């Protein structure tokens, strides 16, 4: 039975990887590239190079991704795994197919006109004589949602993004600057290439907005809709609070005994993890149970174990 479950989980993981890789290619070719955006990563830089020196996005990206994977494996060790390599290949393949058969035409626009009816706000479709009237904000929002879903699904499959993140990981190894800071620096430098290449300040701004939306969607895909809170309750009426948590909220918890710093008196503290609805109930009812209780509420990015998200099998 356990073997069947593992096979099912692996099938689901590879389906997520395939869907995520396809959506990433769709977002890049149909939404990001026509608007001259570069939201970080090797594909962001490939979009700029594709417009300045016409060559397929997929060719530019794979020429960067393969050396980065090899260099990363050499310096950091074999930590990327088969799924990351497969994701790199799938994104390359899907991107090549879409740009070959779809081209670089935008999906979202106000209208498309030929070159004889040019207006100041028109944008030329890369490698084409046609122009379109852009809707920058709507396109940025949709592109961020597609990118976020794509990368979120890839992360959920057990793969990593690879690409330019490897540069951040290598610098992190030798400088000890936080990985999150380095990722932002690398992506920001790539984003600023749009300003250098196209001399339009709005392009890096829209790219940053896209990255922000993408990050929020990734969190939503990976962590889910539920928001959990960790609650510490210091109370002198511990039995009443305990019974309320067990019988009304139907949750468990942990009881600690500690000493106050001021008077040295022993105090009881209850530790409990709750979802949003149970937290609201607790806050509404706790005043009636113990008006003198001291409560500390902390955001929990992820809770695993009995009653919450299952522990990973690998």
Protein backbone atom coordinates (compact mmCIF):
# COMPACT_ATOMS: atom_id res chain seq x y z
CA UNK A 1 0.00 0.00 0.00
CA UNK A 2 2.82 2.38 0.93
CA UNK A 3 4.58 1.58 -2.36
CA UNK A 4 1.40 2.45 -4.32
CA UNK A 5 1.14 5.77 -2.47
CA UNK A 6 4.78 6.59 -3.30
CA UNK A 7 4.20 5.81 -6.98
CA UNK A 8 1.09 8.00 -6.98
CA UNK A 9 2.98 10.86 -5.32
CA UNK A 10 5.78 10.61 -7.88
CA UNK A 11 3.30 10.64 -10.78
CA UNK A 12 1.62 13.74 -9.34
CA UNK A 13 5.02 15.39 -8.79
CA UNK A 14 6.07 14.85 -12.42
CA UNK A 15 2.68 16.10 -13.68
CA UNK A 16 3.13 19.27 -11.61
CA UNK A 17 6.63 19.64 -13.04
CA UNK A 18 5.39 19.30 -16.63
CA UNK A 19 2.45 21.70 -16.14
CA UNK A 20 4.63 24.22 -14.31
CA UNK A 21 7.32 24.13 -17.01
CA UNK A 22 4.70 24.64 -19.74
CA UNK A 23 3.07 27.57 -17.93
CA UNK A 24 6.48 29.18 -17.39
CA UNK A 25 7.14 29.04 -21.14
CA UNK A 26 3.68 30.47 -21.88
CA UNK A 27 4.21 33.35 -19.44
CA UNK A 28 7.64 34.15 -20.82
CA UNK A 29 6.93 34.06 -24.58
CA UNK A 30 3.34 35.34 -24.67
CA UNK A 31 3.32 37.88 -21.83
CA UNK A 32 6.83 38.91 -20.74
CA UNK A 33 8.80 39.06 -23.97
CA UNK A 34 6.35 41.17 -26.08
CA UNK A 35 6.36 43.86 -23.38
CA UNK A 36 10.19 43.89 -23.16
CA UNK A 37 10.13 42.84 -19.48
CA UNK A 38 12.89 40.94 -17.65
CA UNK A 39 11.70 39.62 -14.25
CA UNK A 40 15.03 38.07 -13.25
CA UNK A 41 16.50 34.67 -14.05
CA UNK A 42 18.20 33.42 -17.19
CA UNK A 43 14.95 33.75 -19.13
CA UNK A 44 14.61 37.37 -18.08
CA UNK A 45 18.08 38.11 -19.47
CA UNK A 46 17.27 35.98 -22.54
CA UNK A 47 14.26 38.19 -23.27
CA UNK A 48 16.48 41.26 -23.42
CA UNK A 49 19.10 39.54 -25.58
CA UNK A 50 16.36 38.15 -27.86
CA UNK A 51 15.08 41.64 -28.57
CA UNK A 52 18.46 43.34 -28.95
CA UNK A 53 20.13 40.53 -30.95
CA UNK A 54 17.36 38.36 -32.46
CA UNK A 55 17.90 34.70 -31.58
CA UNK A 56 15.45 32.34 -29.91
CA UNK A 57 14.85 32.89 -26.18
CA UNK A 58 15.24 29.17 -25.60
CA UNK A 59 18.69 29.13 -27.23
CA UNK A 60 19.97 32.01 -25.11
CA UNK A 61 18.55 30.45 -21.92
CA UNK A 62 19.88 26.93 -22.46
CA UNK A 63 23.32 28.35 -23.31
CA UNK A 64 23.30 29.92 -19.83
CA UNK A 65 21.47 27.16 -17.90
CA UNK A 66 23.73 24.25 -18.87
CA UNK A 67 27.02 25.96 -17.90
CA UNK A 68 25.43 27.22 -14.68
CA UNK A 69 24.29 23.68 -13.77
CA UNK A 70 27.76 22.30 -14.53
CA UNK A 71 29.57 25.05 -12.62
CA UNK A 72 27.10 24.79 -9.75
CA UNK A 73 27.58 21.02 -9.51
CA UNK A 74 31.36 21.46 -9.58
CA UNK A 75 31.45 24.16 -6.87
CA UNK A 76 28.41 23.28 -4.73
CA UNK A 77 28.20 19.54 -5.27
CA UNK A 78 25.40 17.47 -6.87
CA UNK A 79 22.52 19.14 -5.01
CA UNK A 80 20.24 20.03 -7.91
CA UNK A 81 18.75 16.61 -8.61
CA UNK A 82 17.12 14.98 -11.62
CA UNK A 83 13.90 17.01 -11.39
CA UNK A 84 15.74 20.32 -11.66
CA UNK A 85 17.60 19.10 -14.74
CA UNK A 86 14.32 17.80 -16.21
CA UNK A 87 12.62 21.14 -15.49
CA UNK A 88 15.44 22.96 -17.31
CA UNK A 89 15.00 20.71 -20.36
CA UNK A 90 11.18 20.95 -20.34
CA UNK A 91 11.13 24.75 -20.08
CA UNK A 92 13.63 24.95 -22.95
CA UNK A 93 11.53 22.59 -25.09
CA UNK A 94 8.18 24.29 -24.36
CA UNK A 95 9.68 27.74 -24.93
CA UNK A 96 11.15 26.64 -28.27
CA UNK A 97 7.83 25.20 -29.44
CA UNK A 98 5.81 28.29 -28.46
CA UNK A 99 8.21 30.86 -29.92
CA UNK A 100 8.54 28.78 -33.10
CA UNK A 101 4.83 28.33 -33.77
CA UNK A 102 3.29 31.30 -31.90
CA UNK A 103 6.07 33.82 -32.33
CA UNK A 104 6.37 36.73 -29.92
CA UNK A 105 2.85 38.09 -30.26
CA UNK A 106 1.23 39.52 -27.11
CA UNK A 107 -1.96 37.99 -25.76
CA UNK A 108 -3.07 41.12 -23.90
CA UNK A 109 -3.24 44.38 -25.87
CA UNK A 110 -5.72 47.08 -26.81
CA UNK A 111 -5.25 46.56 -30.54
CA UNK A 112 -2.69 45.56 -33.17
CA UNK A 113 -1.98 47.83 -36.14
CA UNK A 114 0.51 47.90 -38.99
CA UNK A 115 3.57 50.09 -39.13
CA UNK A 116 1.85 52.84 -41.13
CA UNK A 117 -0.40 53.87 -38.21
CA UNK A 118 2.18 54.41 -35.50
CA UNK A 119 1.30 56.24 -32.29
CA UNK A 120 3.69 57.25 -29.47
CA UNK A 121 2.50 54.52 -27.09
CA UNK A 122 2.73 51.67 -29.58
CA UNK A 123 5.20 48.85 -29.02
CA UNK A 124 6.69 46.89 -31.89
CA UNK A 125 6.33 43.12 -31.65
CA UNK A 126 9.90 41.76 -31.53
CA UNK A 127 11.13 40.59 -34.95
CA UNK A 128 7.97 41.90 -36.68
CA UNK A 129 6.78 44.93 -38.63
CA UNK A 130 3.52 44.98 -36.63
CA UNK A 131 2.82 47.27 -33.65
CA UNK A 132 0.42 46.93 -30.74
CA UNK A 133 -1.11 49.34 -28.23
CA UNK A 134 -0.03 47.92 -24.86
CA UNK A 135 -1.85 47.47 -21.56
CA UNK A 136 1.21 47.33 -19.33
CA UNK A 137 -0.48 46.98 -15.95
CA UNK A 138 -2.96 44.24 -16.85
CA UNK A 139 -0.28 42.29 -18.71
CA UNK A 140 2.09 42.60 -15.72
CA UNK A 141 -0.55 41.28 -13.31
CA UNK A 142 -1.46 38.33 -15.55
CA UNK A 143 2.20 37.54 -16.25
CA UNK A 144 2.98 37.60 -12.51
CA UNK A 145 0.09 35.21 -11.80
CA UNK A 146 1.18 32.80 -14.56
CA UNK A 147 4.85 32.92 -13.48
CA UNK A 148 3.84 32.41 -9.84
CA UNK A 149 1.64 29.39 -10.60
CA UNK A 150 4.34 27.93 -12.86
CA UNK A 151 7.23 28.25 -10.39
CA UNK A 152 4.98 27.28 -7.47
CA UNK A 153 4.07 24.01 -9.23
CA UNK A 154 7.73 23.36 -10.05
CA UNK A 155 8.66 23.90 -6.39
CA UNK A 156 5.84 21.61 -5.23
CA UNK A 157 7.13 18.89 -7.56
CA UNK A 158 10.42 18.87 -5.65
CA UNK A 159 12.47 20.70 -8.30
CA UNK A 160 14.26 24.02 -7.91
CA UNK A 161 14.46 26.94 -10.30
CA UNK A 162 18.19 26.57 -10.98
CA UNK A 163 19.31 29.15 -13.54
CA UNK A 164 20.56 32.42 -12.10
CA UNK A 165 19.82 31.20 -8.55
CA UNK A 166 22.98 29.10 -8.88
CA UNK A 167 24.99 32.33 -9.17
CA UNK A 168 23.49 33.48 -5.86
CA UNK A 169 24.28 30.12 -4.24
CA UNK A 170 27.92 30.28 -5.38
CA UNK A 171 28.38 33.86 -4.12
CA UNK A 172 26.68 32.86 -0.86
CA UNK A 173 29.22 30.07 -0.34
CA UNK A 174 32.17 32.48 -0.42
CA UNK A 175 30.69 35.69 1.03
CA UNK A 176 28.13 34.37 3.57
CA UNK A 177 25.69 37.09 2.45
CA UNK A 178 22.17 35.74 2.93
CA UNK A 179 20.85 33.77 -0.03
CA UNK A 180 17.62 35.79 -0.11
CA UNK A 181 19.58 39.05 -0.39
CA UNK A 182 21.77 37.66 -3.16
CA UNK A 183 18.78 36.40 -5.15
CA UNK A 184 17.23 39.89 -4.98
CA UNK A 185 20.52 41.49 -6.06
CA UNK A 186 21.00 39.14 -9.03
CA UNK A 187 17.37 39.49 -10.17
CA UNK A 188 17.51 43.27 -9.74
CA UNK A 189 20.62 43.50 -11.92
CA UNK A 190 18.88 41.43 -14.61
CA UNK A 191 15.76 43.60 -14.30
CA UNK A 192 17.83 46.78 -14.77
CA UNK A 193 19.13 45.48 -18.11
CA UNK A 194 15.77 46.55 -19.60
CA UNK A 195 16.56 50.15 -18.63
CA UNK A 196 20.02 49.93 -20.20
CA UNK A 197 18.79 48.20 -23.38
CA UNK A 198 15.53 50.06 -24.02
CA UNK A 199 15.97 53.36 -22.10
CA UNK A 200 12.50 53.12 -20.49
CA UNK A 201 12.26 53.49 -16.70
CA UNK A 202 8.82 51.89 -16.60
CA UNK A 203 10.16 48.52 -17.82
CA UNK A 204 12.22 47.65 -14.70
CA UNK A 205 9.39 49.03 -12.53
CA UNK A 206 6.84 46.75 -14.18
CA UNK A 207 9.32 43.87 -13.95
CA UNK A 208 9.66 44.42 -10.19
CA UNK A 209 5.86 44.52 -9.81
CA UNK A 210 5.73 41.23 -11.74
CA UNK A 211 8.33 39.68 -9.41
CA UNK A 212 6.32 40.79 -6.36
CA UNK A 213 3.06 39.28 -7.68
CA UNK A 214 4.95 36.13 -8.68
CA UNK A 215 6.34 35.75 -5.15
CA UNK A 216 2.92 36.05 -3.54
CA UNK A 217 1.42 33.46 -5.89
CA UNK A 218 4.34 31.09 -5.26
CA UNK A 219 3.69 31.33 -1.50
CA UNK A 220 0.00 30.66 -2.13
CA UNK A 221 0.72 27.59 -4.29
CA UNK A 222 3.40 26.14 -2.00
CA UNK A 223 1.87 26.95 1.41
CA UNK A 224 -1.84 26.90 0.52
CA UNK A 225 -4.66 29.23 1.51
CA UNK A 226 -4.68 28.38 5.19
CA UNK A 227 -3.02 30.81 7.56
CA UNK A 228 -1.83 29.37 10.85
CA UNK A 229 -0.89 31.15 14.05
CA UNK A 230 1.21 30.03 16.98
CA UNK A 231 -0.26 31.27 20.27
CA UNK A 232 1.43 31.50 23.67
CA UNK A 233 -0.99 32.08 26.55
CA UNK A 234 0.28 32.95 30.04
CA UNK A 235 -2.60 32.36 32.45
CA UNK A 236 -3.41 31.74 36.11
CA UNK A 237 -6.60 29.94 35.11
CA UNK A 238 -4.84 27.19 33.19
CA UNK A 239 -7.48 24.47 33.64
CA UNK A 240 -10.31 26.58 32.21
CA UNK A 241 -8.17 27.63 29.23
CA UNK A 242 -7.07 24.04 28.69
CA UNK A 243 -10.65 22.75 28.69
CA UNK A 244 -11.70 25.50 26.26
CA UNK A 245 -8.93 24.62 23.79
CA UNK A 246 -9.65 20.89 24.00
CA UNK A 247 -13.45 20.95 24.01
CA UNK A 248 -14.44 24.11 22.13
CA UNK A 249 -11.60 24.51 19.64
CA UNK A 250 -10.89 20.76 19.42
CA UNK A 251 -7.16 21.36 19.37
CA UNK A 252 -4.23 20.05 21.38
CA UNK A 253 -1.37 22.03 22.85
CA UNK A 254 1.56 21.99 25.27
CA UNK A 255 1.70 23.28 28.84
CA UNK A 256 4.88 24.91 30.16
CA UNK A 257 5.69 26.14 33.64
CA UNK A 258 8.03 29.12 33.97
CA UNK A 259 9.00 31.97 36.28
CA UNK A 260 8.21 35.63 35.76
CA UNK A 261 11.24 37.93 35.49
CA UNK A 262 9.83 40.64 37.75
CA UNK A 263 8.59 38.78 40.82
CA UNK A 264 9.94 35.30 40.20
CA UNK A 265 6.46 33.80 40.59
CA UNK A 266 5.68 30.58 38.76
CA UNK A 267 3.37 31.05 35.76
CA UNK A 268 1.66 28.57 33.46
CA UNK A 269 2.03 29.03 29.72
CA UNK A 270 0.07 27.17 27.03
CA UNK A 271 1.47 26.72 23.54
CA UNK A 272 -1.08 26.02 20.78
CA UNK A 273 -1.23 26.25 16.96
CA UNK A 274 -4.51 27.44 15.43
CA UNK A 275 -5.98 28.32 12.07
CA UNK A 276 -7.50 31.76 11.51
CA UNK A 277 -11.10 30.85 12.46
CA UNK A 278 -10.10 29.20 15.75
CA UNK A 279 -7.83 32.13 16.60
CA UNK A 280 -10.78 34.53 16.24
CA UNK A 281 -12.86 32.33 18.58
CA UNK A 282 -10.03 32.24 21.12
CA UNK A 283 -9.61 36.02 21.11
CA UNK A 284 -13.34 36.58 21.47
CA UNK A 285 -13.76 34.14 24.39
CA UNK A 286 -10.49 34.43 26.30
CA UNK A 287 -11.53 37.62 28.10
CA UNK A 288 -14.39 35.74 29.75
CA UNK A 289 -12.15 32.80 30.72
CA UNK A 290 -9.18 34.77 32.10
CA UNK A 291 -9.26 38.59 31.78
CA UNK A 292 -5.69 38.77 33.14
CA UNK A 293 -4.21 36.39 30.55
CA UNK A 294 -1.16 37.47 28.54
CA UNK A 295 -1.26 36.35 24.88
CA UNK A 296 1.49 36.38 22.25
CA UNK A 297 0.40 35.53 18.66
CA UNK A 298 3.03 34.64 16.03
CA UNK A 299 2.60 34.04 12.30
CA UNK A 300 3.52 30.48 11.29
CA UNK A 301 4.64 30.02 7.71
CA UNK A 302 4.14 26.26 7.88
CA UNK A 303 2.95 23.71 10.45
CA UNK A 304 3.41 19.99 9.92
CA UNK A 305 2.26 17.04 11.98
CA UNK A 306 -0.93 15.52 13.31
CA UNK A 307 -3.96 17.69 12.62
CA UNK A 308 -2.07 19.90 10.16
CA UNK A 309 -0.04 19.37 6.98
CA UNK A 310 1.40 15.86 6.64
CA UNK A 311 5.15 15.42 7.14
CA UNK A 312 7.06 14.94 3.88
CA UNK A 313 7.70 11.31 2.92
CA UNK A 314 11.17 12.01 1.52
